[in-house]
Amino acid sequence: MPPRGGSRDAVSVVNVFAHRGEFFRVLQETQRSQTAVMTVAPAADAGPPEVHDADQIVYVVEGEAIVTLGDDEHKAGPGALVMIPAGTRHHVRNPGPTPLFFVTVYAPPEY
């Protein structure tokens, strides 16, 4: 798949705030990892529960998240870093009154 937002295996610097408000956007990608941003509207979720073949890291930039990992729920606010190991069923929802904006990293690339 051709990279979106950066060239494969090339160094690139991206301003994540330029993509605030986009539901999902891949920003950078190499053969070993991929970065993306996601914005989830108030009282909405990021989609149905998922299981990925890749490790996923979520870094909350703005807003509130409830992250379900397996059967456990965790609150995550600005500055929270969430590790989701490959094979872990997970779900992200926004319980707050403002948009949830986060950066996510997949290793290896997922999408």
PDB file of N, CA and C in Angstrom:
ATOM      1  N   MET A   1       0.847  -1.166   0.000  1.00  0.00           N
ATOM      2  CA  MET A   1       0.000   0.000   0.000  1.00  0.00           C
ATOM      3  C   MET A   1       0.892   1.227   0.000  1.00  0.00           C
ATOM      4  N   PRO A   2       0.600   2.216  -0.818  1.00  0.00           N
ATOM      5  CA  PRO A   2       1.411   3.430  -0.806  1.00  0.00           C
ATOM      6  C   PRO A   2       1.171   4.212   0.481  1.00  0.00           C
ATOM      7  N   PRO A   3       2.198   4.847   0.991  1.00  0.00           N
ATOM      8  CA  PRO A   3       2.040   5.609   2.220  1.00  0.00           C
ATOM      9  C   PRO A   3       1.170   6.836   2.010  1.00  0.00           C
ATOM     10  N   ARG A   4       0.533   7.266   3.098  1.00  0.00           N
ATOM     11  CA  ARG A   4      -0.287   8.472   3.070  1.00  0.00           C
ATOM     12  C   ARG A   4       0.306   9.453   4.064  1.00  0.00           C
ATOM     13  N   GLY A   5       0.686  10.627   3.624  1.00  0.00           N
ATOM     14  CA  GLY A   5       1.188  11.640   4.528  1.00  0.00           C
ATOM     15  C   GLY A   5       2.691  11.623   4.697  1.00  0.00           C
ATOM     16  N   GLY A   6       3.373  10.680   4.140  1.00  0.00           N
ATOM     17  CA  GLY A   6       4.821  10.589   4.261  1.00  0.00           C
ATOM     18  C   GLY A   6       5.320   9.491   3.341  1.00  0.00           C
ATOM     19  N   SER A   7       6.587   9.482   3.044  1.00  0.00           N
ATOM     20  CA  SER A   7       7.102   8.468   2.143  1.00  0.00           C
ATOM     21  C   SER A   7       7.640   7.287   2.935  1.00  0.00           C
ATOM     22  N   ARG A   8       7.503   6.105   2.364  1.00  0.00           N
ATOM     23  CA  ARG A   8       7.924   4.878   3.031  1.00  0.00           C
ATOM     24  C   ARG A   8       9.413   4.944   3.362  1.00  0.00           C
ATOM     25  N   ASP A   9       9.729   4.690   4.638  1.00  0.00           N
ATOM     26  CA  ASP A   9      11.096   4.665   5.156  1.00  0.00           C
ATOM     27  C   ASP A   9      11.816   6.003   5.050  1.00  0.00           C
ATOM     28  N   ALA A  10      11.118   7.084   4.791  1.00  0.00           N
ATOM     29  CA  ALA A  10      11.737   8.408   4.765  1.00  0.00           C
ATOM     30  C   ALA A  10      11.399   9.138   6.056  1.00  0.00           C
ATOM     31  N   VAL A  11      12.300   9.984   6.479  1.00  0.00           N
ATOM     32  CA  VAL A  11      12.036  10.793   7.659  1.00  0.00           C
ATOM     33  C   VAL A  11      11.014  11.856   7.287  1.00  0.00           C
ATOM     34  N   SER A  12       9.985  11.990   8.118  1.00  0.00           N
ATOM     35  CA  SER A  12       9.003  13.032   7.862  1.00  0.00           C
ATOM     36  C   SER A  12       8.541  13.597   9.201  1.00  0.00           C
ATOM     37  N   VAL A  13       8.233  14.867   9.188  1.00  0.00           N
ATOM     38  CA  VAL A  13       7.720  15.558  10.367  1.00  0.00           C
ATOM     39  C   VAL A  13       6.324  16.037  10.017  1.00  0.00           C
ATOM     40  N   VAL A  14       5.363  15.695  10.868  1.00  0.00           N
ATOM     41  CA  VAL A  14       3.972  16.022  10.600  1.00  0.00           C
ATOM     42  C   VAL A  14       3.407  16.757  11.804  1.00  0.00           C
ATOM     43  N   ASN A  15       2.654  17.812  11.557  1.00  0.00           N
ATOM     44  CA  ASN A  15       1.944  18.520  12.610  1.00  0.00           C
ATOM     45  C   ASN A  15       0.599  17.825  12.802  1.00  0.00           C
ATOM     46  N   VAL A  16       0.447  17.080  13.890  1.00  0.00           N
ATOM     47  CA  VAL A  16      -0.792  16.333  14.101  1.00  0.00           C
ATOM     48  C   VAL A  16      -1.996  17.254  14.233  1.00  0.00           C
ATOM     49  N   PHE A  17      -1.799  18.465  14.755  1.00  0.00           N
ATOM     50  CA  PHE A  17      -2.923  19.391  14.932  1.00  0.00           C
ATOM     51  C   PHE A  17      -3.523  19.839  13.604  1.00  0.00           C
ATOM     52  N   ALA A  18      -2.769  19.725  12.530  1.00  0.00           N
ATOM     53  CA  ALA A  18      -3.310  20.067  11.209  1.00  0.00           C
ATOM     54  C   ALA A  18      -4.403  19.085  10.793  1.00  0.00           C
ATOM     55  N   HIS A  19      -4.494  17.947  11.499  1.00  0.00           N
ATOM     56  CA  HIS A  19      -5.469  16.907  11.154  1.00  0.00           C
ATOM     57  C   HIS A  19      -6.513  16.711  12.245  1.00  0.00           C
ATOM     58  N   ARG A  20      -6.535  17.608  13.227  1.00  0.00           N
ATOM     59  CA  ARG A  20      -7.561  17.558  14.277  1.00  0.00           C
ATOM     60  C   ARG A  20      -8.922  17.677  13.605  1.00  0.00           C
ATOM     61  N   GLY A  21      -9.853  16.857  14.025  1.00  0.00           N
ATOM     62  CA  GLY A  21     -11.201  16.884  13.450  1.00  0.00           C
ATOM     63  C   GLY A  21     -11.427  15.790  12.424  1.00  0.00           C
ATOM     64  N   GLU A  22     -10.360  15.183  11.899  1.00  0.00           N
ATOM     65  CA  GLU A  22     -10.521  14.084  10.943  1.00  0.00           C
ATOM     66  C   GLU A  22     -10.771  12.800  11.727  1.00  0.00           C
ATOM     67  N   PHE A  23     -11.740  12.017  11.280  1.00  0.00           N
ATOM     68  CA  PHE A  23     -12.071  10.797  12.021  1.00  0.00           C
ATOM     69  C   PHE A  23     -10.871   9.860  12.103  1.00  0.00           C
ATOM     70  N   PHE A  24     -10.220   9.577  10.982  1.00  0.00           N
ATOM     71  CA  PHE A  24      -9.025   8.723  10.977  1.00  0.00           C
ATOM     72  C   PHE A  24      -8.164   9.121   9.790  1.00  0.00           C
ATOM     73  N   ARG A  25      -6.873   9.325  10.045  1.00  0.00           N
ATOM     74  CA  ARG A  25      -5.956   9.681   8.963  1.00  0.00           C
ATOM     75  C   ARG A  25      -4.588   9.085   9.254  1.00  0.00           C
ATOM     76  N   VAL A  26      -4.086   8.258   8.351  1.00  0.00           N
ATOM     77  CA  VAL A  26      -2.712   7.767   8.448  1.00  0.00           C
ATOM     78  C   VAL A  26      -1.800   8.912   8.038  1.00  0.00           C
ATOM     79  N   LEU A  27      -0.800   9.211   8.875  1.00  0.00           N
ATOM     80  CA  LEU A  27       0.092  10.332   8.616  1.00  0.00           C
ATOM     81  C   LEU A  27       1.472   9.908   8.150  1.00  0.00           C
ATOM     82  N   GLN A  28       1.965   8.813   8.678  1.00  0.00           N
ATOM     83  CA  GLN A  28       3.321   8.351   8.349  1.00  0.00           C
ATOM     84  C   GLN A  28       3.316   6.826   8.308  1.00  0.00           C
ATOM     85  N   GLU A  29       4.222   6.264   7.501  1.00  0.00           N
ATOM     86  CA  GLU A  29       4.289   4.816   7.417  1.00  0.00           C
ATOM     87  C   GLU A  29       5.651   4.368   6.925  1.00  0.00           C
ATOM     88  N   THR A  30       6.151   3.329   7.570  1.00  0.00           N
ATOM     89  CA  THR A  30       7.327   2.618   7.080  1.00  0.00           C
ATOM     90  C   THR A  30       6.936   1.147   6.993  1.00  0.00           C
ATOM     91  N   GLN A  31       7.870   0.298   6.650  1.00  0.00           N
ATOM     92  CA  GLN A  31       7.576  -1.126   6.607  1.00  0.00           C
ATOM     93  C   GLN A  31       7.372  -1.696   8.009  1.00  0.00           C
ATOM     94  N   ARG A  32       7.836  -0.986   9.055  1.00  0.00           N
ATOM     95  CA  ARG A  32       7.771  -1.496  10.419  1.00  0.00           C
ATOM     96  C   ARG A  32       6.766  -0.792  11.323  1.00  0.00           C
ATOM     97  N   SER A  33       6.303   0.390  10.954  1.00  0.00           N
ATOM     98  CA  SER A  33       5.361   1.098  11.823  1.00  0.00           C
ATOM     99  C   SER A  33       4.521   2.086  11.023  1.00  0.00           C
ATOM    100  N   GLN A  34       3.492   2.574  11.701  1.00  0.00           N
ATOM    101  CA  GLN A  34       2.562   3.506  11.066  1.00  0.00           C
ATOM    102  C   GLN A  34       2.005   4.426  12.156  1.00  0.00           C
ATOM    103  N   THR A  35       1.913   5.718  11.868  1.00  0.00           N
ATOM    104  CA  THR A  35       1.273   6.655  12.794  1.00  0.00           C
ATOM    105  C   THR A  35       0.019   7.222  12.138  1.00  0.00           C
ATOM    106  N   ALA A  36      -0.971   7.451  12.987  1.00  0.00           N
ATOM    107  CA  ALA A  36      -2.243   7.988  12.511  1.00  0.00           C
ATOM    108  C   ALA A  36      -2.824   8.871  13.609  1.00  0.00           C
ATOM    109  N   VAL A  37      -3.821   9.661  13.244  1.00  0.00           N
ATOM    110  CA  VAL A  37      -4.582  10.431  14.222  1.00  0.00           C
ATOM    111  C   VAL A  37      -6.044  10.056  14.075  1.00  0.00           C
ATOM    112  N   MET A  38      -6.783  10.283  15.170  1.00  0.00           N
ATOM    113  CA  MET A  38      -8.205   9.994  15.157  1.00  0.00           C
ATOM    114  C   MET A  38      -8.908  11.021  16.024  1.00  0.00           C
ATOM    115  N   THR A  39     -10.065  11.477  15.557  1.00  0.00           N
ATOM    116  CA  THR A  39     -10.918  12.365  16.337  1.00  0.00           C
ATOM    117  C   THR A  39     -12.259  11.661  16.509  1.00  0.00           C
ATOM    118  N   VAL A  40     -12.707  11.556  17.765  1.00  0.00           N
ATOM    119  CA  VAL A  40     -13.976  10.914  18.083  1.00  0.00           C
ATOM    120  C   VAL A  40     -14.893  11.975  18.691  1.00  0.00           C
ATOM    121  N   ALA A  41     -16.066  12.121  18.131  1.00  0.00           N
ATOM    122  CA  ALA A  41     -17.029  13.127  18.584  1.00  0.00           C
ATOM    123  C   ALA A  41     -17.489  12.847  20.015  1.00  0.00           C
ATOM    124  N   PRO A  42     -17.983  13.876  20.704  1.00  0.00           N
ATOM    125  CA  PRO A  42     -18.526  13.666  22.049  1.00  0.00           C
ATOM    126  C   PRO A  42     -19.597  12.571  22.059  1.00  0.00           C
ATOM    127  N   ALA A  43     -19.551  11.721  23.095  1.00  0.00           N
ATOM    128  CA  ALA A  43     -20.517  10.637  23.294  1.00  0.00           C
ATOM    129  C   ALA A  43     -20.520   9.614  22.153  1.00  0.00           C
ATOM    130  N   ALA A  44     -19.431   9.536  21.383  1.00  0.00           N
ATOM    131  CA  ALA A  44     -19.316   8.572  20.278  1.00  0.00           C
ATOM    132  C   ALA A  44     -18.170   7.608  20.580  1.00  0.00           C
ATOM    133  N   ASP A  45     -18.004   6.636  19.701  1.00  0.00           N
ATOM    134  CA  ASP A  45     -16.870   5.733  19.860  1.00  0.00           C
ATOM    135  C   ASP A  45     -16.083   5.628  18.568  1.00  0.00           C
ATOM    136  N   ALA A  46     -14.943   4.952  18.659  1.00  0.00           N
ATOM    137  CA  ALA A  46     -14.030   4.833  17.526  1.00  0.00           C
ATOM    138  C   ALA A  46     -14.418   3.689  16.597  1.00  0.00           C
ATOM    139  N   GLY A  47     -15.559   3.081  16.838  1.00  0.00           N
ATOM    140  CA  GLY A  47     -16.006   1.942  16.049  1.00  0.00           C
ATOM    141  C   GLY A  47     -16.221   0.752  16.968  1.00  0.00           C
ATOM    142  N   PRO A  48     -16.528  -0.399  16.401  1.00  0.00           N
ATOM    143  CA  PRO A  48     -16.782  -1.581  17.228  1.00  0.00           C
ATOM    144  C   PRO A  48     -15.482  -2.086  17.876  1.00  0.00           C
ATOM    145  N   PRO A  49     -15.594  -2.914  18.917  1.00  0.00           N
ATOM    146  CA  PRO A  49     -14.381  -3.518  19.494  1.00  0.00           C
ATOM    147  C   PRO A  49     -13.577  -4.221  18.409  1.00  0.00           C
ATOM    148  N   GLU A  50     -12.242  -4.162  18.560  1.00  0.00           N
ATOM    149  CA  GLU A  50     -11.344  -4.706  17.537  1.00  0.00           C
ATOM    150  C   GLU A  50     -10.250  -5.553  18.174  1.00  0.00           C
ATOM    151  N   VAL A  51      -9.648  -6.384  17.338  1.00  0.00           N
ATOM    152  CA  VAL A  51      -8.431  -7.113  17.681  1.00  0.00           C
ATOM    153  C   VAL A  51      -7.491  -6.939  16.497  1.00  0.00           C
ATOM    154  N   HIS A  52      -6.268  -6.469  16.753  1.00  0.00           N
ATOM    155  CA  HIS A  52      -5.297  -6.258  15.687  1.00  0.00           C
ATOM    156  C   HIS A  52      -4.158  -7.269  15.772  1.00  0.00           C
ATOM    157  N   ASP A  53      -3.531  -7.526  14.644  1.00  0.00           N
ATOM    158  CA  ASP A  53      -2.335  -8.365  14.605  1.00  0.00           C
ATOM    159  C   ASP A  53      -1.097  -7.579  15.001  1.00  0.00           C
ATOM    160  N   ALA A  54      -1.234  -6.254  15.083  1.00  0.00           N
ATOM    161  CA  ALA A  54      -0.117  -5.375  15.422  1.00  0.00           C
ATOM    162  C   ALA A  54      -0.275  -4.857  16.846  1.00  0.00           C
ATOM    163  N   ASP A  55       0.846  -4.495  17.473  1.00  0.00           N
ATOM    164  CA  ASP A  55       0.779  -3.722  18.704  1.00  0.00           C
ATOM    165  C   ASP A  55       0.239  -2.348  18.336  1.00  0.00           C
ATOM    166  N   GLN A  56      -0.505  -1.748  19.247  1.00  0.00           N
ATOM    167  CA  GLN A  56      -1.032  -0.404  19.023  1.00  0.00           C
ATOM    168  C   GLN A  56      -0.754   0.438  20.264  1.00  0.00           C
ATOM    169  N   ILE A  57      -0.326   1.655  20.034  1.00  0.00           N
ATOM    170  CA  ILE A  57      -0.106   2.611  21.114  1.00  0.00           C
ATOM    171  C   ILE A  57      -1.029   3.791  20.852  1.00  0.00           C
ATOM    172  N   VAL A  58      -1.743   4.223  21.887  1.00  0.00           N
ATOM    173  CA  VAL A  58      -2.635   5.373  21.797  1.00  0.00           C
ATOM    174  C   VAL A  58      -2.107   6.445  22.736  1.00  0.00           C
ATOM    175  N   TYR A  59      -1.943   7.666  22.228  1.00  0.00           N
ATOM    176  CA  TYR A  59      -1.550   8.810  23.045  1.00  0.00           C
ATOM    177  C   TYR A  59      -2.660   9.852  22.952  1.00  0.00           C
ATOM    178  N   VAL A  60      -3.317  10.115  24.084  1.00  0.00           N
ATOM    179  CA  VAL A  60      -4.422  11.071  24.104  1.00  0.00           C
ATOM    180  C   VAL A  60      -3.860  12.490  24.123  1.00  0.00           C
ATOM    181  N   VAL A  61      -4.256  13.275  23.136  1.00  0.00           N
ATOM    182  CA  VAL A  61      -3.811  14.660  23.018  1.00  0.00           C
ATOM    183  C   VAL A  61      -4.832  15.598  23.667  1.00  0.00           C
ATOM    184  N   GLU A  62      -6.106  15.396  23.329  1.00  0.00           N
ATOM    185  CA  GLU A  62      -7.178  16.254  23.848  1.00  0.00           C
ATOM    186  C   GLU A  62      -8.410  15.408  24.134  1.00  0.00           C
ATOM    187  N   GLY A  63      -9.162  15.789  25.159  1.00  0.00           N
ATOM    188  CA  GLY A  63     -10.419  15.120  25.463  1.00  0.00           C
ATOM    189  C   GLY A  63     -10.242  13.976  26.448  1.00  0.00           C
ATOM    190  N   GLU A  64     -11.308  13.212  26.579  1.00  0.00           N
ATOM    191  CA  GLU A  64     -11.343  12.078  27.497  1.00  0.00           C
ATOM    192  C   GLU A  64     -11.621  10.811  26.706  1.00  0.00           C
ATOM    193  N   ALA A  65     -11.053   9.697  27.176  1.00  0.00           N
ATOM    194  CA  ALA A  65     -11.318   8.402  26.557  1.00  0.00           C
ATOM    195  C   ALA A  65     -11.613   7.384  27.642  1.00  0.00           C
ATOM    196  N   ILE A  66     -12.474   6.461  27.301  1.00  0.00           N
ATOM    197  CA  ILE A  66     -12.607   5.222  28.062  1.00  0.00           C
ATOM    198  C   ILE A  66     -12.076   4.148  27.123  1.00  0.00           C
ATOM    199  N   VAL A  67     -10.988   3.513  27.540  1.00  0.00           N
ATOM    200  CA  VAL A  67     -10.352   2.478  26.727  1.00  0.00           C
ATOM    201  C   VAL A  67     -10.617   1.140  27.405  1.00  0.00           C
ATOM    202  N   THR A  68     -11.272   0.237  26.687  1.00  0.00           N
ATOM    203  CA  THR A  68     -11.520  -1.101  27.201  1.00  0.00           C
ATOM    204  C   THR A  68     -10.466  -2.029  26.620  1.00  0.00           C
ATOM    205  N   LEU A  69      -9.739  -2.693  27.504  1.00  0.00           N
ATOM    206  CA  LEU A  69      -8.718  -3.679  27.124  1.00  0.00           C
ATOM    207  C   LEU A  69      -9.166  -5.012  27.708  1.00  0.00           C
ATOM    208  N   GLY A  70      -9.592  -5.922  26.830  1.00  0.00           N
ATOM    209  CA  GLY A  70     -10.173  -7.163  27.332  1.00  0.00           C
ATOM    210  C   GLY A  70     -11.452  -6.823  28.074  1.00  0.00           C
ATOM    211  N   ASP A  71     -11.515  -7.154  29.371  1.00  0.00           N
ATOM    212  CA  ASP A  71     -12.691  -6.859  30.188  1.00  0.00           C
ATOM    213  C   ASP A  71     -12.499  -5.644  31.081  1.00  0.00           C
ATOM    214  N   ASP A  72     -11.343  -4.990  31.011  1.00  0.00           N
ATOM    215  CA  ASP A  72     -11.023  -3.888  31.909  1.00  0.00           C
ATOM    216  C   ASP A  72     -11.178  -2.539  31.227  1.00  0.00           C
ATOM    217  N   GLU A  73     -11.851  -1.596  31.917  1.00  0.00           N
ATOM    218  CA  GLU A  73     -12.006  -0.228  31.414  1.00  0.00           C
ATOM    219  C   GLU A  73     -11.010   0.693  32.108  1.00  0.00           C
ATOM    220  N   HIS A  74     -10.441   1.621  31.329  1.00  0.00           N
ATOM    221  CA  HIS A  74      -9.468   2.575  31.846  1.00  0.00           C
ATOM    222  C   HIS A  74      -9.836   3.971  31.356  1.00  0.00           C
ATOM    223  N   LYS A  75      -9.777   4.954  32.259  1.00  0.00           N
ATOM    224  CA  LYS A  75      -9.951   6.349  31.864  1.00  0.00           C
ATOM    225  C   LYS A  75      -8.608   6.866  31.364  1.00  0.00           C
ATOM    226  N   ALA A  76      -8.644   7.634  30.309  1.00  0.00           N
ATOM    227  CA  ALA A  76      -7.416   8.194  29.746  1.00  0.00           C
ATOM    228  C   ALA A  76      -7.696   9.622  29.299  1.00  0.00           C
ATOM    229  N   GLY A  77      -6.978  10.575  29.892  1.00  0.00           N
ATOM    230  CA  GLY A  77      -7.112  11.978  29.534  1.00  0.00           C
ATOM    231  C   GLY A  77      -5.866  12.463  28.830  1.00  0.00           C
ATOM    232  N   PRO A  78      -5.769  13.754  28.584  1.00  0.00           N
ATOM    233  CA  PRO A  78      -4.606  14.311  27.882  1.00  0.00           C
ATOM    234  C   PRO A  78      -3.293  13.883  28.546  1.00  0.00           C
ATOM    235  N   GLY A  79      -2.392  13.394  27.729  1.00  0.00           N
ATOM    236  CA  GLY A  79      -1.100  12.921  28.208  1.00  0.00           C
ATOM    237  C   GLY A  79      -1.062  11.441  28.510  1.00  0.00           C
ATOM    238  N   ALA A  80      -2.207  10.771  28.494  1.00  0.00           N
ATOM    239  CA  ALA A  80      -2.241   9.330  28.774  1.00  0.00           C
ATOM    240  C   ALA A  80      -1.679   8.550  27.588  1.00  0.00           C
ATOM    241  N   LEU A  81      -0.921   7.532  27.917  1.00  0.00           N
ATOM    242  CA  LEU A  81      -0.323   6.641  26.922  1.00  0.00           C
ATOM    243  C   LEU A  81      -0.851   5.240  27.190  1.00  0.00           C
ATOM    244  N   VAL A  82      -1.463   4.629  26.182  1.00  0.00           N
ATOM    245  CA  VAL A  82      -2.083   3.318  26.333  1.00  0.00           C
ATOM    246  C   VAL A  82      -1.382   2.330  25.406  1.00  0.00           C
ATOM    247  N   MET A  83      -0.905   1.208  25.965  1.00  0.00           N
ATOM    248  CA  MET A  83      -0.301   0.144  25.162  1.00  0.00           C
ATOM    249  C   MET A  83      -1.344  -0.948  24.971  1.00  0.00           C
ATOM    250  N   ILE A  84      -1.590  -1.304  23.710  1.00  0.00           N
ATOM    251  CA  ILE A  84      -2.535  -2.369  23.375  1.00  0.00           C
ATOM    252  C   ILE A  84      -1.746  -3.465  22.647  1.00  0.00           C
ATOM    253  N   PRO A  85      -1.370  -4.521  23.354  1.00  0.00           N
ATOM    254  CA  PRO A  85      -0.592  -5.585  22.703  1.00  0.00           C
ATOM    255  C   PRO A  85      -1.387  -6.271  21.592  1.00  0.00           C
ATOM    256  N   ALA A  86      -0.697  -6.739  20.582  1.00  0.00           N
ATOM    257  CA  ALA A  86      -1.323  -7.484  19.493  1.00  0.00           C
ATOM    258  C   ALA A  86      -2.190  -8.595  20.079  1.00  0.00           C
ATOM    259  N   GLY A  87      -3.372  -8.788  19.481  1.00  0.00           N
ATOM    260  CA  GLY A  87      -4.262  -9.848  19.917  1.00  0.00           C
ATOM    261  C   GLY A  87      -5.186  -9.472  21.059  1.00  0.00           C
ATOM    262  N   THR A  88      -5.097  -8.236  21.559  1.00  0.00           N
ATOM    263  CA  THR A  88      -5.947  -7.792  22.668  1.00  0.00           C
ATOM    264  C   THR A  88      -7.219  -7.144  22.131  1.00  0.00           C
ATOM    265  N   ARG A  89      -8.358  -7.659  22.557  1.00  0.00           N
ATOM    266  CA  ARG A  89      -9.634  -7.043  22.172  1.00  0.00           C
ATOM    267  C   ARG A  89      -9.709  -5.684  22.871  1.00  0.00           C
ATOM    268  N   HIS A  90     -10.036  -4.641  22.100  1.00  0.00           N
ATOM    269  CA  HIS A  90     -10.051  -3.296  22.669  1.00  0.00           C
ATOM    270  C   HIS A  90     -11.130  -2.433  22.011  1.00  0.00           C
ATOM    271  N   HIS A  91     -11.446  -1.354  22.727  1.00  0.00           N
ATOM    272  CA  HIS A  91     -12.471  -0.430  22.259  1.00  0.00           C
ATOM    273  C   HIS A  91     -12.169   0.935  22.864  1.00  0.00           C
ATOM    274  N   VAL A  92     -12.382   1.998  22.090  1.00  0.00           N
ATOM    275  CA  VAL A  92     -12.169   3.365  22.564  1.00  0.00           C
ATOM    276  C   VAL A  92     -13.462   4.141  22.369  1.00  0.00           C
ATOM    277  N   ARG A  93     -13.890   4.820  23.445  1.00  0.00           N
ATOM    278  CA  ARG A  93     -15.070   5.677  23.327  1.00  0.00           C
ATOM    279  C   ARG A  93     -14.813   7.001  24.034  1.00  0.00           C
ATOM    280  N   ASN A  94     -15.577   7.987  23.624  1.00  0.00           N
ATOM    281  CA  ASN A  94     -15.459   9.328  24.177  1.00  0.00           C
ATOM    282  C   ASN A  94     -16.680   9.605  25.056  1.00  0.00           C
ATOM    283  N   PRO A  95     -16.489   9.611  26.390  1.00  0.00           N
ATOM    284  CA  PRO A  95     -17.622   9.882  27.272  1.00  0.00           C
ATOM    285  C   PRO A  95     -17.826  11.375  27.534  1.00  0.00           C
ATOM    286  N   GLY A  96     -16.906  12.188  27.042  1.00  0.00           N
ATOM    287  CA  GLY A  96     -16.885  13.607  27.400  1.00  0.00           C
ATOM    288  C   GLY A  96     -17.711  14.500  26.501  1.00  0.00           C
ATOM    289  N   PRO A  97     -17.770  15.792  26.871  1.00  0.00           N
ATOM    290  CA  PRO A  97     -18.552  16.782  26.126  1.00  0.00           C
ATOM    291  C   PRO A  97     -17.777  17.442  24.983  1.00  0.00           C
ATOM    292  N   THR A  98     -16.491  17.121  24.841  1.00  0.00           N
ATOM    293  CA  THR A  98     -15.660  17.704  23.777  1.00  0.00           C
ATOM    294  C   THR A  98     -15.054  16.587  22.936  1.00  0.00           C
ATOM    295  N   PRO A  99     -14.580  16.884  21.730  1.00  0.00           N
ATOM    296  CA  PRO A  99     -13.968  15.844  20.905  1.00  0.00           C
ATOM    297  C   PRO A  99     -12.754  15.208  21.589  1.00  0.00           C
ATOM    298  N   LEU A 100     -12.578  13.929  21.325  1.00  0.00           N
ATOM    299  CA  LEU A 100     -11.400  13.169  21.746  1.00  0.00           C
ATOM    300  C   LEU A 100     -10.455  13.139  20.555  1.00  0.00           C
ATOM    301  N   PHE A 101      -9.213  13.586  20.756  1.00  0.00           N
ATOM    302  CA  PHE A 101      -8.219  13.610  19.682  1.00  0.00           C
ATOM    303  C   PHE A 101      -6.996  12.846  20.165  1.00  0.00           C
ATOM    304  N   PHE A 102      -6.586  11.824  19.401  1.00  0.00           N
ATOM    305  CA  PHE A 102      -5.424  11.048  19.816  1.00  0.00           C
ATOM    306  C   PHE A 102      -4.557  10.632  18.637  1.00  0.00           C
ATOM    307  N   VAL A 103      -3.307  10.360  18.974  1.00  0.00           N
ATOM    308  CA  VAL A 103      -2.329   9.824  18.028  1.00  0.00           C
ATOM    309  C   VAL A 103      -2.238   8.333  18.310  1.00  0.00           C
ATOM    310  N   THR A 104      -2.158   7.545  17.263  1.00  0.00           N
ATOM    311  CA  THR A 104      -2.014   6.101  17.444  1.00  0.00           C
ATOM    312  C   THR A 104      -0.876   5.589  16.562  1.00  0.00           C
ATOM    313  N   VAL A 105      -0.155   4.630  17.097  1.00  0.00           N
ATOM    314  CA  VAL A 105       0.978   4.024  16.393  1.00  0.00           C
ATOM    315  C   VAL A 105       0.711   2.524  16.300  1.00  0.00           C
ATOM    316  N   TYR A 106       0.884   1.978  15.115  1.00  0.00           N
ATOM    317  CA  TYR A 106       0.758   0.533  14.887  1.00  0.00           C
ATOM    318  C   TYR A 106       2.122  -0.004  14.490  1.00  0.00           C
ATOM    319  N   ALA A 107       2.510  -1.128  15.085  1.00  0.00           N
ATOM    320  CA  ALA A 107       3.780  -1.749  14.723  1.00  0.00           C
ATOM    321  C   ALA A 107       3.579  -3.263  14.706  1.00  0.00           C
ATOM    322  N   PRO A 108       3.634  -3.883  13.537  1.00  0.00           N
ATOM    323  CA  PRO A 108       3.824  -3.316  12.205  1.00  0.00           C
ATOM    324  C   PRO A 108       2.569  -2.594  11.711  1.00  0.00           C
ATOM    325  N   PRO A 109       2.652  -1.937  10.533  1.00  0.00           N
ATOM    326  CA  PRO A 109       1.507  -1.192  10.005  1.00  0.00           C
ATOM    327  C   PRO A 109       0.251  -2.067   9.926  1.00  0.00           C
ATOM    328  N   GLU A 110      -0.871  -1.475  10.263  1.00  0.00           N
ATOM    329  CA  GLU A 110      -2.130  -2.220  10.300  1.00  0.00           C
ATOM    330  C   GLU A 110      -3.010  -1.915   9.093  1.00  0.00           C
ATOM    331  N   TYR A 111      -3.045  -0.671   8.656  1.00  0.00           N
ATOM    332  CA  TYR A 111      -3.981  -0.276   7.593  1.00  0.00           C
ATOM    333  C   TYR A 111      -3.257   0.113   6.341  1.00  0.00           C
TER     334      TYR A 111
END
